C-alpha atoms as a PDB file:
ATOM      1  CA  PRO A   1     -45.147 238.523  42.071  1.00  0.00           C
ATOM      2  CA  ASN A   2     -47.184 237.411  44.922  1.00  0.00           C
ATOM      3  CA  ALA A   3     -48.127 233.702  45.116  1.00  0.00           C
ATOM      4  CA  THR A   4     -51.059 231.790  46.583  1.00  0.00           C
ATOM      5  CA  ALA A   5     -51.018 228.115  47.472  1.00  0.00           C
ATOM      6  CA  VAL A   6     -53.473 225.339  48.179  1.00  0.00           C
ATOM      7  CA  LEU A   7     -52.138 222.512  50.400  1.00  0.00           C
ATOM      8  CA  ALA A   8     -53.270 219.689  48.092  1.00  0.00           C
ATOM      9  CA  ASP A   9     -52.320 217.858  44.927  1.00  0.00           C
ATOM     10  CA  GLY A  10     -53.180 220.036  41.871  1.00  0.00           C
ATOM     11  CA  GLU A  11     -54.387 217.221  39.501  1.00  0.00           C
ATOM     12  CA  THR A  12     -56.434 219.050  36.914  1.00  0.00           C
ATOM     13  CA  VAL A  13     -55.846 222.702  35.904  1.00  0.00           C
ATOM     14  CA  TYR A  14     -58.279 224.784  33.691  1.00  0.00           C
ATOM     15  CA  ALA A  15     -57.983 228.500  32.793  1.00  0.00           C
ATOM     16  CA  GLY A  16     -60.814 230.806  31.751  1.00  0.00           C
ATOM     17  CA  HIS A  17     -60.307 234.505  30.729  1.00  0.00           C
ATOM     18  CA  GLN A  18     -60.296 235.702  34.280  1.00  0.00           C
ATOM     19  CA  HIS A  19     -59.787 232.864  36.552  1.00  0.00           C
ATOM     20  CA  LEU A  20     -57.646 229.700  36.964  1.00  0.00           C
ATOM     21  CA  TYR A  21     -59.176 226.611  38.512  1.00  0.00           C
ATOM     22  CA  VAL A  22     -57.284 223.830  40.284  1.00  0.00           C
ATOM     23  CA  ALA A  23     -59.073 220.537  40.910  1.00  0.00           C
ATOM     24  CA  THR A  24     -57.980 218.156  43.726  1.00  0.00           C
ATOM     25  CA  THR A  25     -59.205 214.783  44.837  1.00  0.00           C
ATOM     26  CA  GLU A  26     -60.997 214.570  48.212  1.00  0.00           C
ATOM     27  CA  TYR A  27     -60.211 211.180  49.857  1.00  0.00           C
ATOM     28  CA  SER A  28     -62.255 209.644  52.560  1.00  0.00           C
ATOM     29  CA  GLU A  29     -60.764 208.290  55.811  1.00  0.00           C
ATOM     30  CA  PRO A  30     -59.861 204.554  55.159  1.00  0.00           C
ATOM     31  CA  VAL A  31     -61.469 201.716  56.986  1.00  0.00           C
ATOM     32  CA  PRO A  32     -58.831 200.369  59.419  1.00  0.00           C
ATOM     33  CA  PHE A  33     -57.359 196.962  58.614  1.00  0.00           C
ATOM     34  CA  ASP A  34     -59.822 196.186  55.853  1.00  0.00           C
ATOM     35  CA  GLU A  35     -58.334 196.827  52.463  1.00  0.00           C
ATOM     36  CA  GLU A  36     -61.368 195.637  50.442  1.00  0.00           C
ATOM     37  CA  ALA A  37     -63.699 197.789  52.520  1.00  0.00           C
ATOM     38  CA  ALA A  38     -61.373 200.684  52.143  1.00  0.00           C
ATOM     39  CA  TRP A  39     -61.409 200.530  48.373  1.00  0.00           C
ATOM     40  CA  LEU A  40     -65.264 200.324  48.313  1.00  0.00           C
ATOM     41  CA  GLN A  41     -65.534 203.273  50.623  1.00  0.00           C
ATOM     42  CA  MET A  42     -63.112 205.303  48.573  1.00  0.00           C
ATOM     43  CA  GLY A  43     -65.236 204.608  45.494  1.00  0.00           C
ATOM     44  CA  GLU A  44     -68.396 205.562  47.180  1.00  0.00           C
ATOM     45  CA  ASP A  45     -67.000 208.732  48.744  1.00  0.00           C
ATOM     46  CA  TYR A  46     -64.785 209.854  45.896  1.00  0.00           C
ATOM     47  CA  ALA A  47     -65.208 213.579  45.512  1.00  0.00           C
ATOM     48  CA  THR A  48     -63.408 216.491  43.724  1.00  0.00           C
ATOM     49  CA  SER A  49     -62.661 219.910  45.162  1.00  0.00           C
ATOM     50  CA  ILE A  50     -62.262 222.888  42.844  1.00  0.00           C
ATOM     51  CA  HIS A  51     -60.434 226.048  43.754  1.00  0.00           C
ATOM     52  CA  GLN A  52     -60.853 229.375  41.937  1.00  0.00           C
ATOM     53  CA  PHE A  53     -58.071 231.890  41.569  1.00  0.00           C
ATOM     54  CA  ARG A  54     -58.216 235.381  40.059  1.00  0.00           C
ATOM     55  CA  VAL A  55     -55.343 235.764  37.542  1.00  0.00           C
ATOM     56  CA  VAL A  56     -56.100 239.031  35.755  1.00  0.00           C
ATOM     57  CA  ASP A  57     -53.431 240.921  37.735  1.00  0.00           C
ATOM     58  CA  PRO A  58     -49.949 239.865  36.368  1.00  0.00           C
ATOM     59  CA  SER A  59     -48.341 240.791  39.714  1.00  0.00           C
ATOM     60  CA  ALA A  60     -50.530 238.697  41.976  1.00  0.00           C
ATOM     61  CA  THR A  61     -52.659 235.546  42.072  1.00  0.00           C
ATOM     62  CA  GLU A  62     -55.671 235.794  44.406  1.00  0.00           C
ATOM     63  CA  TYR A  63     -57.560 232.906  45.896  1.00  0.00           C
ATOM     64  CA  LEU A  64     -61.369 233.469  45.665  1.00  0.00           C
ATOM     65  CA  ALA A  65     -63.491 230.446  46.408  1.00  0.00           C
ATOM     66  CA  SER A  66     -63.858 226.600  46.478  1.00  0.00           C
ATOM     67  CA  ALA A  67     -66.465 223.888  45.945  1.00  0.00           C
ATOM     68  CA  THR A  68     -66.593 220.146  46.387  1.00  0.00           C
ATOM     69  CA  LEU A  69     -68.531 217.913  44.059  1.00  0.00           C
ATOM     70  CA  PRO A  70     -69.103 214.173  44.255  1.00  0.00           C
ATOM     71  CA  GLY A  71     -67.307 212.060  41.745  1.00  0.00           C
ATOM     72  CA  HIS A  72     -64.422 212.682  39.419  1.00  0.00           C
ATOM     73  CA  LEU A  73     -63.327 214.773  36.447  1.00  0.00           C
ATOM     74  CA  LEU A  74     -62.047 213.255  33.184  1.00  0.00           C
ATOM     75  CA  ASN A  75     -59.568 216.046  32.327  1.00  0.00           C
ATOM     76  CA  GLN A  76     -59.383 219.811  31.946  1.00  0.00           C
ATOM     77  CA  PHE A  77     -62.005 219.706  29.173  1.00  0.00           C
ATOM     78  CA  SER A  78     -64.478 218.779  31.990  1.00  0.00           C
ATOM     79  CA  MET A  79     -64.522 222.473  33.139  1.00  0.00           C
ATOM     80  CA  SER A  80     -65.639 225.534  31.300  1.00  0.00           C
ATOM     81  CA  GLU A  81     -66.218 229.123  32.394  1.00  0.00           C
ATOM     82  CA  LEU A  82     -68.782 231.367  30.687  1.00  0.00           C
ATOM     83  CA  ASP A  83     -70.352 234.618  32.056  1.00  0.00           C
ATOM     84  CA  SER A  84     -69.108 234.191  35.585  1.00  0.00           C
ATOM     85  CA  HIS A  85     -70.371 230.581  35.654  1.00  0.00           C
ATOM     86  CA  LEU A  86     -68.173 227.510  35.982  1.00  0.00           C
ATOM     87  CA  ARG A  87     -69.584 224.398  34.168  1.00  0.00           C
ATOM     88  CA  VAL A  88     -68.274 221.102  35.450  1.00  0.00           C
ATOM     89  CA  ALA A  89     -68.809 217.610  34.051  1.00  0.00           C
ATOM     90  CA  THR A  90     -68.349 214.757  36.494  1.00  0.00           C
ATOM     91  CA  THR A  91     -69.065 211.072  36.916  1.00  0.00           C
ATOM     92  CA  SER A  92     -70.100 209.694  40.240  1.00  0.00           C
ATOM     93  CA  GLY A  93     -67.693 207.459  42.063  1.00  0.00           C
ATOM     94  CA  ALA A  94     -64.027 206.784  41.503  1.00  0.00           C
ATOM     95  CA  PRO A  95     -62.267 206.884  38.144  1.00  0.00           C
ATOM     96  CA  TRP A  96     -61.640 203.089  38.175  1.00  0.00           C
ATOM     97  CA  GLY A  97     -63.885 200.178  37.383  1.00  0.00           C
ATOM     98  CA  PHE A  98     -67.611 200.468  36.488  1.00  0.00           C
ATOM     99  CA  ASP A  99     -70.495 201.083  38.910  1.00  0.00           C
ATOM    100  CA  GLU A 100     -73.976 200.090  37.825  1.00  0.00           C
ATOM    101  CA  ASN A 101     -75.379 203.015  39.721  1.00  0.00           C
ATOM    102  CA  ALA A 102     -72.836 205.593  38.237  1.00  0.00           C
ATOM    103  CA  GLU A 103     -74.201 208.643  36.455  1.00  0.00           C
ATOM    104  CA  SER A 104     -72.661 211.593  34.848  1.00  0.00           C
ATOM    105  CA  THR A 105     -73.655 215.151  35.684  1.00  0.00           C
ATOM    106  CA  ILE A 106     -73.042 218.732  34.596  1.00  0.00           C
ATOM    107  CA  THR A 107     -73.104 221.187  37.499  1.00  0.00           C
ATOM    108  CA  VAL A 108     -73.127 224.978  37.106  1.00  0.00           C
ATOM    109  CA  LEU A 109     -71.387 226.907  39.817  1.00  0.00           C
ATOM    110  CA  ALA A 110     -71.315 230.619  40.704  1.00  0.00           C
ATOM    111  CA  ARG A 111     -69.198 232.359  43.299  1.00  0.00           C
ATOM    112  CA  ASP A 112     -70.894 233.423  46.492  1.00  0.00           C
ATOM    113  CA  GLY A 113     -68.250 234.851  48.866  1.00  0.00           C
ATOM    114  CA  ALA A 114     -65.554 232.176  49.447  1.00  0.00           C
ATOM    115  CA  GLU A 115     -67.713 229.345  48.001  1.00  0.00           C
ATOM    116  CA  LEU A 116     -68.602 228.257  44.584  1.00  0.00           C
ATOM    117  CA  VAL A 117     -72.302 227.268  44.905  1.00  0.00           C
ATOM    118  CA  GLU A 118     -74.494 225.182  42.621  1.00  0.00           C
ATOM    119  CA  VAL A 119     -77.012 227.240  40.626  1.00  0.00           C
ATOM    120  CA  GLY A 120     -77.971 224.541  38.164  1.00  0.00           C
ATOM    121  CA  ARG A 121     -77.504 220.819  37.488  1.00  0.00           C
ATOM    122  CA  VAL A 122     -78.489 218.217  34.896  1.00  0.00           C
ATOM    123  CA  GLY A 123     -77.722 214.510  35.698  1.00  0.00           C
ATOM    124  CA  ASN A 124     -78.715 210.943  34.963  1.00  0.00           C
ATOM    125  CA  MET A 125     -76.498 210.770  31.886  1.00  0.00           C
ATOM    126  CA  GLY A 126     -74.996 207.331  31.064  1.00  0.00           C
ATOM    127  CA  ARG A 127     -76.249 205.188  33.813  1.00  0.00           C
ATOM    128  CA  GLY A 128     -73.745 202.513  34.770  1.00  0.00           C
ATOM    129  CA  GLU A 129     -71.151 204.288  32.474  1.00  0.00           C
ATOM    130  CA  ARG A 130     -68.550 207.016  32.860  1.00  0.00           C
ATOM    131  CA  ILE A 131     -67.539 209.970  30.795  1.00  0.00           C
ATOM    132  CA  HIS A 132     -64.969 209.310  28.095  1.00  0.00           C
ATOM    133  CA  ALA A 133     -65.100 212.728  26.426  1.00  0.00           C
ATOM    134  CA  VAL A 134     -66.564 216.129  26.958  1.00  0.00           C
ATOM    135  CA  ARG A 135     -66.411 219.513  25.192  1.00  0.00           C
ATOM    136  CA  PHE A 136     -68.085 222.882  26.009  1.00  0.00           C
ATOM    137  CA  LEU A 137     -68.750 225.227  23.221  1.00  0.00           C
ATOM    138  CA  GLY A 138     -70.492 228.423  24.361  1.00  0.00           C
ATOM    139  CA  ASP A 139     -73.757 227.601  25.891  1.00  0.00           C
ATOM    140  CA  THR A 140     -73.718 223.937  24.701  1.00  0.00           C
ATOM    141  CA  ALA A 141     -71.903 220.855  26.114  1.00  0.00           C
ATOM    142  CA  PHE A 142     -71.267 217.636  24.247  1.00  0.00           C
ATOM    143  CA  VAL A 143     -70.733 214.622  26.520  1.00  0.00           C
ATOM    144  CA  VAL A 144     -69.803 211.017  25.627  1.00  0.00           C
ATOM    145  CA  THR A 145     -70.307 208.218  28.128  1.00  0.00           C
ATOM    146  CA  PHE A 146     -69.482 204.572  27.516  1.00  0.00           C
ATOM    147  CA  ARG A 147     -69.467 201.093  28.860  1.00  0.00           C
ATOM    148  CA  ARG A 148     -70.958 199.010  25.919  1.00  0.00           C
ATOM    149  CA  ILE A 149     -72.715 201.609  23.744  1.00  0.00           C
ATOM    150  CA  ASP A 150     -71.571 205.287  23.182  1.00  0.00           C
ATOM    151  CA  PRO A 151     -74.351 207.760  24.047  1.00  0.00           C
ATOM    152  CA  PHE A 152     -73.398 211.165  22.599  1.00  0.00           C
ATOM    153  CA  TYR A 153     -75.325 213.866  24.532  1.00  0.00           C
ATOM    154  CA  VAL A 154     -76.109 217.381  23.560  1.00  0.00           C
ATOM    155  CA  VAL A 155     -76.665 219.446  26.684  1.00  0.00           C
ATOM    156  CA  ASP A 156     -78.314 222.983  26.617  1.00  0.00           C
ATOM    157  CA  LEU A 157     -76.629 225.410  29.028  1.00  0.00           C
ATOM    158  CA  SER A 158     -78.190 228.596  27.795  1.00  0.00           C
ATOM    159  CA  ASP A 159     -80.106 228.958  31.045  1.00  0.00           C
ATOM    160  CA  PRO A 160     -77.442 228.251  33.802  1.00  0.00           C
ATOM    161  CA  THR A 161     -80.112 227.604  36.344  1.00  0.00           C
ATOM    162  CA  GLU A 162     -81.866 225.024  34.250  1.00  0.00           C
ATOM    163  CA  PRO A 163     -79.422 222.978  32.135  1.00  0.00           C
ATOM    164  CA  ARG A 164     -81.013 220.154  30.228  1.00  0.00           C
ATOM    165  CA  VAL A 165     -80.240 217.310  27.811  1.00  0.00           C
ATOM    166  CA  ARG A 166     -81.521 218.293  24.435  1.00  0.00           C
ATOM    167  CA  GLY A 167     -80.548 215.262  22.283  1.00  0.00           C
ATOM    168  CA  GLU A 168     -78.886 211.869  22.453  1.00  0.00           C
ATOM    169  CA  LEU A 169     -77.301 209.559  19.872  1.00  0.00           C
ATOM    170  CA  LYS A 170     -76.347 206.009  20.536  1.00  0.00           C
ATOM    171  CA  ILE A 171     -73.760 204.267  18.458  1.00  0.00           C
ATOM    172  CA  THR A 172     -71.108 201.531  18.975  1.00  0.00           C
ATOM    173  CA  GLY A 173     -67.684 202.428  20.214  1.00  0.00           C
ATOM    174  CA  TYR A 174     -66.854 205.748  21.885  1.00  0.00           C
ATOM    175  CA  SER A 175     -65.232 209.081  21.398  1.00  0.00           C
ATOM    176  CA  GLY A 176     -62.278 209.904  23.697  1.00  0.00           C
ATOM    177  CA  TYR A 177     -61.805 213.401  22.257  1.00  0.00           C
ATOM    178  CA  LEU A 178     -64.227 215.870  20.715  1.00  0.00           C
ATOM    179  CA  HIS A 179     -63.268 218.743  18.521  1.00  0.00           C
ATOM    180  CA  PRO A 180     -65.335 221.328  16.580  1.00  0.00           C
ATOM    181  CA  VAL A 181     -64.649 221.277  12.800  1.00  0.00           C
ATOM    182  CA  GLY A 182     -66.869 224.069  11.419  1.00  0.00           C
ATOM    183  CA  GLU A 183     -70.433 225.161  12.001  1.00  0.00           C
ATOM    184  CA  ASP A 184     -72.675 222.379  13.490  1.00  0.00           C
ATOM    185  CA  ARG A 185     -69.924 219.744  13.113  1.00  0.00           C
ATOM    186  CA  ILE A 186     -68.104 217.810  15.888  1.00  0.00           C
ATOM    187  CA  LEU A 187     -65.277 215.364  15.235  1.00  0.00           C
ATOM    188  CA  GLY A 188     -64.987 212.456  17.658  1.00  0.00           C
ATOM    189  CA  ILE A 189     -61.803 210.494  17.926  1.00  0.00           C
ATOM    190  CA  GLY A 190     -61.972 207.188  19.858  1.00  0.00           C
ATOM    191  CA  GLN A 191     -62.480 203.463  19.501  1.00  0.00           C
ATOM    192  CA  GLU A 192     -64.806 201.348  17.606  1.00  0.00           C
ATOM    193  CA  ALA A 193     -66.267 198.487  19.741  1.00  0.00           C
ATOM    194  CA  THR A 194     -68.543 195.442  19.551  1.00  0.00           C
ATOM    195  CA  GLU A 195     -72.031 195.639  20.834  1.00  0.00           C
ATOM    196  CA  GLU A 196     -70.650 194.097  24.106  1.00  0.00           C
ATOM    197  CA  GLY A 197     -68.286 196.949  24.473  1.00  0.00           C
ATOM    198  CA  MET A 198     -65.029 195.295  23.396  1.00  0.00           C
ATOM    199  CA  PRO A 199     -62.753 197.894  21.648  1.00  0.00           C
ATOM    200  CA  THR A 200     -61.571 196.822  18.128  1.00  0.00           C
ATOM    201  CA  GLY A 201     -59.578 199.791  16.901  1.00  0.00           C
ATOM    202  CA  THR A 202     -59.397 203.511  16.178  1.00  0.00           C
ATOM    203  CA  LYS A 203     -62.549 205.206  15.105  1.00  0.00           C
ATOM    204  CA  ALA A 204     -63.245 208.753  13.853  1.00  0.00           C
ATOM    205  CA  THR A 205     -66.831 210.004  13.699  1.00  0.00           C
ATOM    206  CA  LEU A 206     -68.231 213.222  12.261  1.00  0.00           C
ATOM    207  CA  PHE A 207     -71.292 214.348  14.038  1.00  0.00           C
ATOM    208  CA  ASP A 208     -73.983 216.744  12.763  1.00  0.00           C
ATOM    209  CA  VAL A 209     -75.309 218.811  15.643  1.00  0.00           C
ATOM    210  CA  SER A 210     -77.315 221.418  13.669  1.00  0.00           C
ATOM    211  CA  ASP A 211     -80.424 220.097  15.408  1.00  0.00           C
ATOM    212  CA  PRO A 212     -79.519 219.740  19.048  1.00  0.00           C
ATOM    213  CA  ALA A 213     -82.544 217.600  19.685  1.00  0.00           C
ATOM    214  CA  ASP A 214     -81.538 215.065  16.987  1.00  0.00           C
ATOM    215  CA  PRO A 215     -77.711 214.783  16.568  1.00  0.00           C
ATOM    216  CA  THR A 216     -76.622 212.459  13.837  1.00  0.00           C
ATOM    217  CA  GLU A 217     -73.657 210.556  12.528  1.00  0.00           C
ATOM    218  CA  LEU A 218     -72.631 211.950   9.225  1.00  0.00           C
ATOM    219  CA  ASP A 219     -69.702 209.643   8.497  1.00  0.00           C
ATOM    220  CA  THR A 220     -67.250 207.448  10.261  1.00  0.00           C
ATOM    221  CA  TRP A 221     -63.821 205.937   9.584  1.00  0.00           C
ATOM    222  CA  SER A 222     -62.288 202.908  11.243  1.00  0.00           C
ATOM    223  CA  PRO A 223     -59.243 200.997   9.972  1.00  0.00           C
ATOM    224  CA  GLY A 224     -60.080 198.085  12.234  1.00  0.00           C
ATOM    225  CA  ARG A 225     -56.951 198.397  14.425  1.00  0.00           C
ATOM    226  CA  GLY A 226     -54.699 200.974  16.107  1.00  0.00           C
ATOM    227  CA  ASN A 227     -55.018 203.532  18.715  1.00  0.00           C
ATOM    228  CA  SER A 228     -54.641 207.334  19.189  1.00  0.00           C
ATOM    229  CA  CYS A 229     -52.665 209.305  21.693  1.00  0.00           C
ATOM    230  CA  LEU A 230     -55.755 211.613  22.119  1.00  0.00           C
ATOM    231  CA  LEU A 231     -57.272 208.915  24.294  1.00  0.00           C
ATOM    232  CA  TYR A 232     -54.527 209.009  26.874  1.00  0.00           C
ATOM    233  CA  THR A 233     -53.181 212.561  27.224  1.00  0.00           C
ATOM    234  CA  SER A 234     -54.858 215.910  27.207  1.00  0.00           C
ATOM    235  CA  ASP A 235     -51.559 217.473  26.171  1.00  0.00           C
ATOM    236  CA  ALA A 236     -51.939 215.717  22.807  1.00  0.00           C
ATOM    237  CA  ALA A 237     -55.369 217.118  22.515  1.00  0.00           C
ATOM    238  CA  ASP A 238     -54.008 220.643  23.019  1.00  0.00           C
ATOM    239  CA  GLU A 239     -51.625 220.070  20.191  1.00  0.00           C
END
């Protein structure tokens, strides 16, 4: 078969029904002889490039288009393709430390020639926090941000040009992995935490999302200790 290459590190890979997407980090030029300033600049300028390939032909992979978005992805669950649109969840800045000005965003992209162009965006989620879990299900996205308290967001993507946050639920701890478990139910696996944001052990939460404007916590289980591999590897989530 014919192969196509991008001269960059392929850090996050996501496949839809027709396209494969490879995300890479865009690094800024470092400040000479000033390590502290270089790290600050890297955090401020941190960006992610996403490359789209057509993979429906088993004999060839065709490069189509690219886009660069500010901030970073969490994992492959941060991308989702639906009806020729790529939805991408990002947090501004670098994936280390906490920035008081950080915000999380879902950007909707569509191909225009050799570019993936923005057609819609909803931001200002989790100010001063970063994404710990995200899951796209059809025209709805569920996003968890965290620093001290876990906001669980329900995002309406039915109109790709005007995505909007429909509902929000704040609870202690956070979910690091989200999984659908039947109609209008989302299971979150993560960590319980104090009101100051100190993790205290494994936590499982069952969310009721039947009313997108008012998500609720149906039940929770926390043994008061322990951890889960779902918080550290997306491979475990696939299993």
